[in-house]
Amino acid sequence: MLKSELIERLASEYPHMTQKDVERVVNLILDSMISTLEGGGRVELRGFGALSVRSRPARVGRNPRTGESVNVPAKHVPFFKSGKELRERLNLSGDDNE
């Protein structure tokens, strides 16, 4: 699902809100989540999952084309851990096949 599709779906489910208002709300939520992660915090959405930031150390990688060694700098990456309810709902359809 794209962000624009989410906005369209919410706007259709809540006709008392304009699409611009829904877009503002979605952007506000996402911006707040990003700000929390930038500050080193954790974002938890019960039943869905948790977002946090992990650090990756600097390392020596290889250019796949030339095989040449390349220094890859240290960086921070987002990490998502799914919640129990999300995992259970995703695996409901798999139970029928066993």
N, C-alpha and C. Protein backbone atom coordinates (compact mmCIF):
# COMPACT_ATOMS: atom_id res chain seq x y z
N MET A 1 0.85 -1.17 0.00
CA MET A 1 0.00 0.00 0.00
C MET A 1 0.89 1.24 0.00
N LEU A 2 0.58 2.16 -0.84
CA LEU A 2 1.30 3.42 -0.91
C LEU A 2 0.68 4.43 0.05
N LYS A 3 1.45 5.44 0.41
CA LYS A 3 0.96 6.48 1.30
C LYS A 3 -0.29 7.15 0.70
N SER A 4 -0.26 7.40 -0.60
CA SER A 4 -1.41 8.03 -1.27
C SER A 4 -2.65 7.13 -1.20
N GLU A 5 -2.45 5.81 -1.29
CA GLU A 5 -3.57 4.88 -1.19
C GLU A 5 -4.15 4.87 0.22
N LEU A 6 -3.29 4.96 1.22
CA LEU A 6 -3.74 5.03 2.60
C LEU A 6 -4.58 6.28 2.81
N ILE A 7 -4.11 7.41 2.30
CA ILE A 7 -4.84 8.68 2.44
C ILE A 7 -6.20 8.58 1.76
N GLU A 8 -6.24 8.02 0.56
CA GLU A 8 -7.51 7.86 -0.16
C GLU A 8 -8.48 6.97 0.61
N ARG A 9 -7.96 5.86 1.15
CA ARG A 9 -8.83 4.93 1.89
C ARG A 9 -9.39 5.59 3.15
N LEU A 10 -8.54 6.30 3.89
CA LEU A 10 -9.01 6.97 5.10
C LEU A 10 -10.01 8.08 4.77
N ALA A 11 -9.76 8.81 3.70
CA ALA A 11 -10.68 9.87 3.29
C ALA A 11 -12.05 9.30 2.92
N SER A 12 -12.07 8.11 2.30
CA SER A 12 -13.35 7.51 1.94
C SER A 12 -14.07 6.93 3.16
N GLU A 13 -13.30 6.45 4.16
CA GLU A 13 -13.91 5.90 5.37
C GLU A 13 -14.39 6.99 6.32
N TYR A 14 -13.81 8.18 6.21
CA TYR A 14 -14.18 9.30 7.07
C TYR A 14 -14.59 10.49 6.20
N PRO A 15 -15.79 10.43 5.63
CA PRO A 15 -16.23 11.47 4.69
C PRO A 15 -16.37 12.86 5.31
N HIS A 16 -16.44 12.97 6.63
CA HIS A 16 -16.54 14.28 7.27
C HIS A 16 -15.21 15.02 7.25
N MET A 17 -14.13 14.31 6.87
CA MET A 17 -12.81 14.94 6.77
C MET A 17 -12.44 15.09 5.29
N THR A 18 -11.84 16.21 4.95
CA THR A 18 -11.40 16.39 3.57
C THR A 18 -10.13 15.57 3.35
N GLN A 19 -9.82 15.32 2.10
CA GLN A 19 -8.62 14.56 1.78
C GLN A 19 -7.37 15.31 2.25
N LYS A 20 -7.41 16.64 2.18
CA LYS A 20 -6.27 17.44 2.66
C LYS A 20 -6.07 17.27 4.16
N ASP A 21 -7.18 17.24 4.91
CA ASP A 21 -7.09 17.04 6.37
C ASP A 21 -6.52 15.66 6.69
N VAL A 22 -6.97 14.64 5.98
CA VAL A 22 -6.48 13.28 6.19
C VAL A 22 -4.98 13.23 5.87
N GLU A 23 -4.58 13.89 4.79
CA GLU A 23 -3.17 13.91 4.41
C GLU A 23 -2.33 14.59 5.50
N ARG A 24 -2.85 15.67 6.07
CA ARG A 24 -2.13 16.36 7.16
C ARG A 24 -1.96 15.45 8.36
N VAL A 25 -3.01 14.72 8.71
CA VAL A 25 -2.96 13.81 9.86
C VAL A 25 -1.93 12.70 9.62
N VAL A 26 -1.97 12.09 8.44
CA VAL A 26 -1.02 11.01 8.11
C VAL A 26 0.40 11.55 8.15
N ASN A 27 0.64 12.72 7.56
CA ASN A 27 1.98 13.31 7.57
C ASN A 27 2.43 13.65 8.99
N LEU A 28 1.52 14.15 9.81
CA LEU A 28 1.85 14.48 11.19
C LEU A 28 2.28 13.23 11.97
N ILE A 29 1.55 12.14 11.79
CA ILE A 29 1.88 10.88 12.46
C ILE A 29 3.24 10.37 12.01
N LEU A 30 3.46 10.35 10.70
CA LEU A 30 4.73 9.85 10.18
C LEU A 30 5.90 10.74 10.60
N ASP A 31 5.71 12.06 10.56
CA ASP A 31 6.77 12.98 10.99
C ASP A 31 7.10 12.79 12.46
N SER A 32 6.08 12.57 13.27
CA SER A 32 6.30 12.34 14.70
C SER A 32 7.08 11.05 14.94
N MET A 33 6.75 10.00 14.18
CA MET A 33 7.47 8.74 14.30
C MET A 33 8.94 8.91 13.89
N ILE A 34 9.17 9.62 12.80
CA ILE A 34 10.54 9.85 12.31
C ILE A 34 11.33 10.67 13.33
N SER A 35 10.71 11.70 13.89
CA SER A 35 11.40 12.52 14.89
C SER A 35 11.80 11.70 16.11
N THR A 36 10.92 10.82 16.54
CA THR A 36 11.22 9.96 17.68
C THR A 36 12.40 9.05 17.37
N LEU A 37 12.43 8.46 16.17
CA LEU A 37 13.53 7.59 15.78
C LEU A 37 14.83 8.38 15.64
N GLU A 38 14.75 9.59 15.10
CA GLU A 38 15.94 10.44 14.97
C GLU A 38 16.55 10.74 16.34
N GLY A 39 15.71 10.88 17.34
CA GLY A 39 16.18 11.16 18.69
C GLY A 39 16.64 9.93 19.44
N GLY A 40 16.67 8.79 18.76
CA GLY A 40 17.13 7.56 19.40
C GLY A 40 16.03 6.81 20.12
N GLY A 41 14.79 7.24 19.96
CA GLY A 41 13.67 6.60 20.63
C GLY A 41 13.15 5.39 19.88
N ARG A 42 12.08 4.84 20.41
CA ARG A 42 11.43 3.65 19.85
C ARG A 42 9.96 3.96 19.64
N VAL A 43 9.41 3.48 18.54
CA VAL A 43 7.99 3.67 18.24
C VAL A 43 7.32 2.31 18.30
N GLU A 44 6.32 2.17 19.18
CA GLU A 44 5.63 0.89 19.32
C GLU A 44 4.16 1.08 19.01
N LEU A 45 3.65 0.26 18.09
CA LEU A 45 2.24 0.25 17.76
C LEU A 45 1.71 -1.12 18.18
N ARG A 46 1.02 -1.15 19.30
CA ARG A 46 0.56 -2.42 19.89
C ARG A 46 -0.19 -3.25 18.85
N GLY A 47 0.17 -4.52 18.77
CA GLY A 47 -0.46 -5.44 17.85
C GLY A 47 0.14 -5.41 16.46
N PHE A 48 0.85 -4.33 16.11
CA PHE A 48 1.45 -4.21 14.79
C PHE A 48 2.95 -4.47 14.86
N GLY A 49 3.66 -3.71 15.70
CA GLY A 49 5.09 -3.91 15.82
C GLY A 49 5.79 -2.71 16.40
N ALA A 50 7.12 -2.79 16.41
CA ALA A 50 7.93 -1.72 16.97
C ALA A 50 9.04 -1.35 16.01
N LEU A 51 9.29 -0.06 15.91
CA LEU A 51 10.38 0.48 15.10
C LEU A 51 11.45 1.02 16.03
N SER A 52 12.69 0.73 15.70
CA SER A 52 13.81 1.27 16.46
C SER A 52 14.95 1.51 15.49
N VAL A 53 16.04 2.07 16.00
CA VAL A 53 17.22 2.35 15.17
C VAL A 53 18.36 1.49 15.67
N ARG A 54 19.05 0.85 14.74
CA ARG A 54 20.22 0.04 15.08
C ARG A 54 21.44 0.64 14.39
N SER A 55 22.57 0.48 15.03
CA SER A 55 23.83 0.99 14.46
C SER A 55 24.56 -0.13 13.77
N ARG A 56 25.08 0.17 12.60
CA ARG A 56 25.92 -0.79 11.89
C ARG A 56 27.34 -0.24 11.88
N PRO A 57 28.32 -1.04 12.28
CA PRO A 57 29.71 -0.55 12.32
C PRO A 57 30.28 -0.39 10.91
N ALA A 58 31.35 0.37 10.82
CA ALA A 58 32.06 0.51 9.55
C ALA A 58 32.64 -0.86 9.18
N ARG A 59 32.77 -1.11 7.88
CA ARG A 59 33.29 -2.40 7.45
C ARG A 59 33.94 -2.25 6.07
N VAL A 60 34.61 -3.29 5.66
CA VAL A 60 35.19 -3.32 4.33
C VAL A 60 34.30 -4.22 3.48
N GLY A 61 33.77 -3.65 2.39
CA GLY A 61 32.93 -4.41 1.49
C GLY A 61 33.66 -4.63 0.17
N ARG A 62 32.97 -5.24 -0.77
CA ARG A 62 33.56 -5.49 -2.09
C ARG A 62 32.63 -4.98 -3.17
N ASN A 63 33.23 -4.35 -4.17
CA ASN A 63 32.47 -3.94 -5.35
C ASN A 63 32.21 -5.23 -6.14
N PRO A 64 30.94 -5.61 -6.35
CA PRO A 64 30.66 -6.88 -7.01
C PRO A 64 31.13 -6.93 -8.46
N ARG A 65 31.25 -5.78 -9.09
CA ARG A 65 31.66 -5.75 -10.49
C ARG A 65 33.16 -5.97 -10.65
N THR A 66 33.92 -5.28 -9.79
CA THR A 66 35.38 -5.32 -9.95
C THR A 66 36.08 -6.18 -8.90
N GLY A 67 35.39 -6.50 -7.80
CA GLY A 67 36.01 -7.26 -6.72
C GLY A 67 36.90 -6.39 -5.84
N GLU A 68 36.95 -5.10 -6.13
CA GLU A 68 37.79 -4.16 -5.38
C GLU A 68 37.22 -3.93 -3.98
N SER A 69 38.10 -3.80 -2.99
CA SER A 69 37.68 -3.50 -1.62
C SER A 69 37.18 -2.07 -1.53
N VAL A 70 36.10 -1.89 -0.77
CA VAL A 70 35.49 -0.57 -0.60
C VAL A 70 35.21 -0.37 0.89
N ASN A 71 35.57 0.79 1.43
CA ASN A 71 35.26 1.09 2.83
C ASN A 71 33.81 1.55 2.92
N VAL A 72 33.04 0.87 3.74
CA VAL A 72 31.63 1.23 3.97
C VAL A 72 31.58 1.89 5.35
N PRO A 73 31.13 3.15 5.43
CA PRO A 73 31.11 3.85 6.71
C PRO A 73 30.05 3.30 7.67
N ALA A 74 30.22 3.59 8.95
CA ALA A 74 29.22 3.22 9.96
C ALA A 74 27.94 3.98 9.66
N LYS A 75 26.81 3.38 10.01
CA LYS A 75 25.53 4.05 9.75
C LYS A 75 24.46 3.54 10.71
N HIS A 76 23.37 4.29 10.75
CA HIS A 76 22.19 3.92 11.53
C HIS A 76 21.11 3.46 10.56
N VAL A 77 20.44 2.36 10.89
CA VAL A 77 19.39 1.83 10.02
C VAL A 77 18.12 1.58 10.84
N PRO A 78 16.95 1.78 10.21
CA PRO A 78 15.71 1.47 10.92
C PRO A 78 15.54 -0.05 11.03
N PHE A 79 14.94 -0.48 12.14
CA PHE A 79 14.70 -1.90 12.38
C PHE A 79 13.25 -2.07 12.80
N PHE A 80 12.56 -3.03 12.20
CA PHE A 80 11.16 -3.29 12.52
C PHE A 80 11.03 -4.69 13.10
N LYS A 81 10.36 -4.79 14.23
CA LYS A 81 10.05 -6.08 14.83
C LYS A 81 8.53 -6.20 14.87
N SER A 82 7.99 -7.19 14.19
CA SER A 82 6.54 -7.33 14.13
C SER A 82 5.97 -7.74 15.48
N GLY A 83 4.74 -7.32 15.72
CA GLY A 83 4.05 -7.65 16.95
C GLY A 83 3.40 -9.03 16.86
N LYS A 84 3.05 -9.56 18.00
CA LYS A 84 2.47 -10.90 18.07
C LYS A 84 1.17 -11.00 17.26
N GLU A 85 0.30 -10.00 17.40
CA GLU A 85 -0.98 -10.04 16.70
C GLU A 85 -0.78 -10.04 15.18
N LEU A 86 0.16 -9.23 14.68
CA LEU A 86 0.44 -9.18 13.25
C LEU A 86 0.95 -10.54 12.77
N ARG A 87 1.90 -11.13 13.49
CA ARG A 87 2.43 -12.44 13.10
C ARG A 87 1.33 -13.49 13.08
N GLU A 88 0.45 -13.48 14.08
CA GLU A 88 -0.63 -14.46 14.14
C GLU A 88 -1.60 -14.30 12.98
N ARG A 89 -1.95 -13.06 12.65
CA ARG A 89 -2.88 -12.81 11.54
C ARG A 89 -2.27 -13.20 10.20
N LEU A 90 -0.98 -12.98 10.03
CA LEU A 90 -0.32 -13.35 8.77
C LEU A 90 -0.23 -14.85 8.61
N ASN A 91 -0.18 -15.58 9.72
CA ASN A 91 -0.03 -17.02 9.66
C ASN A 91 -1.34 -17.79 9.72
N LEU A 92 -2.46 -17.09 9.79
CA LEU A 92 -3.76 -17.79 9.81
C LEU A 92 -3.99 -18.59 8.53
N SER A 93 -3.67 -18.01 7.39
CA SER A 93 -3.91 -18.70 6.12
C SER A 93 -2.98 -19.90 5.96
N GLY A 94 -1.81 -19.87 6.57
CA GLY A 94 -0.85 -20.97 6.47
C GLY A 94 -1.33 -22.21 7.22
N ASP A 95 -2.21 -22.05 8.22
CA ASP A 95 -2.69 -23.19 9.01
C ASP A 95 -3.57 -24.12 8.18
N ASP A 96 -4.22 -23.59 7.14
CA ASP A 96 -5.11 -24.42 6.32
C ASP A 96 -4.32 -25.43 5.49
N ASN A 97 -3.08 -25.12 5.17
CA ASN A 97 -2.29 -25.98 4.28
C ASN A 97 -1.61 -27.12 5.03
N GLU A 98 -1.58 -27.11 6.34
CA GLU A 98 -0.86 -28.13 7.07
C GLU A 98 -1.73 -29.28 7.46
